[in-house]
């Protein structure tokens, strides 16, 4: 499976706290990147997803999770996510905006990335998130 080149983490796109908990349970302490749905930051805002991941991870003493917020092509939303403490932000806007965001992210110890890895587990419409995540983390 495709893992984050920097940390070795697998990526799981989650839509709810139950899905985030399933991913953390299946990861069993392995590094995992809990990603938001594409472009959700512009709709729900950065703090919603941060609260979802923080709340889910609080129940797992061995959680090794990173929250990754998808900001689509919205540079202002990506900047807001960085200011809210996200260490990983997805941005698909212009190269000029990406360069400015990269500079800000580096100063904050964060990363801005483009496209999502092909082998990311997406839990949209998943009937049994825990079983899907367990299979993914094998």
Foldseek 3Di string as FASTA:
>chain_A
DDADPVQRAAEEEDDALVLLLLLQVLCVLPEYEHEYDAQCCVVPNQVVQVCSNVVSCVVPPSGNYAYEYHNEADLVRLVRNVVVPHQHYEHAHDPVSQVVSQVVSVVSNHHYHYDDDPPHHYCVVPPDSNVVSNVVND
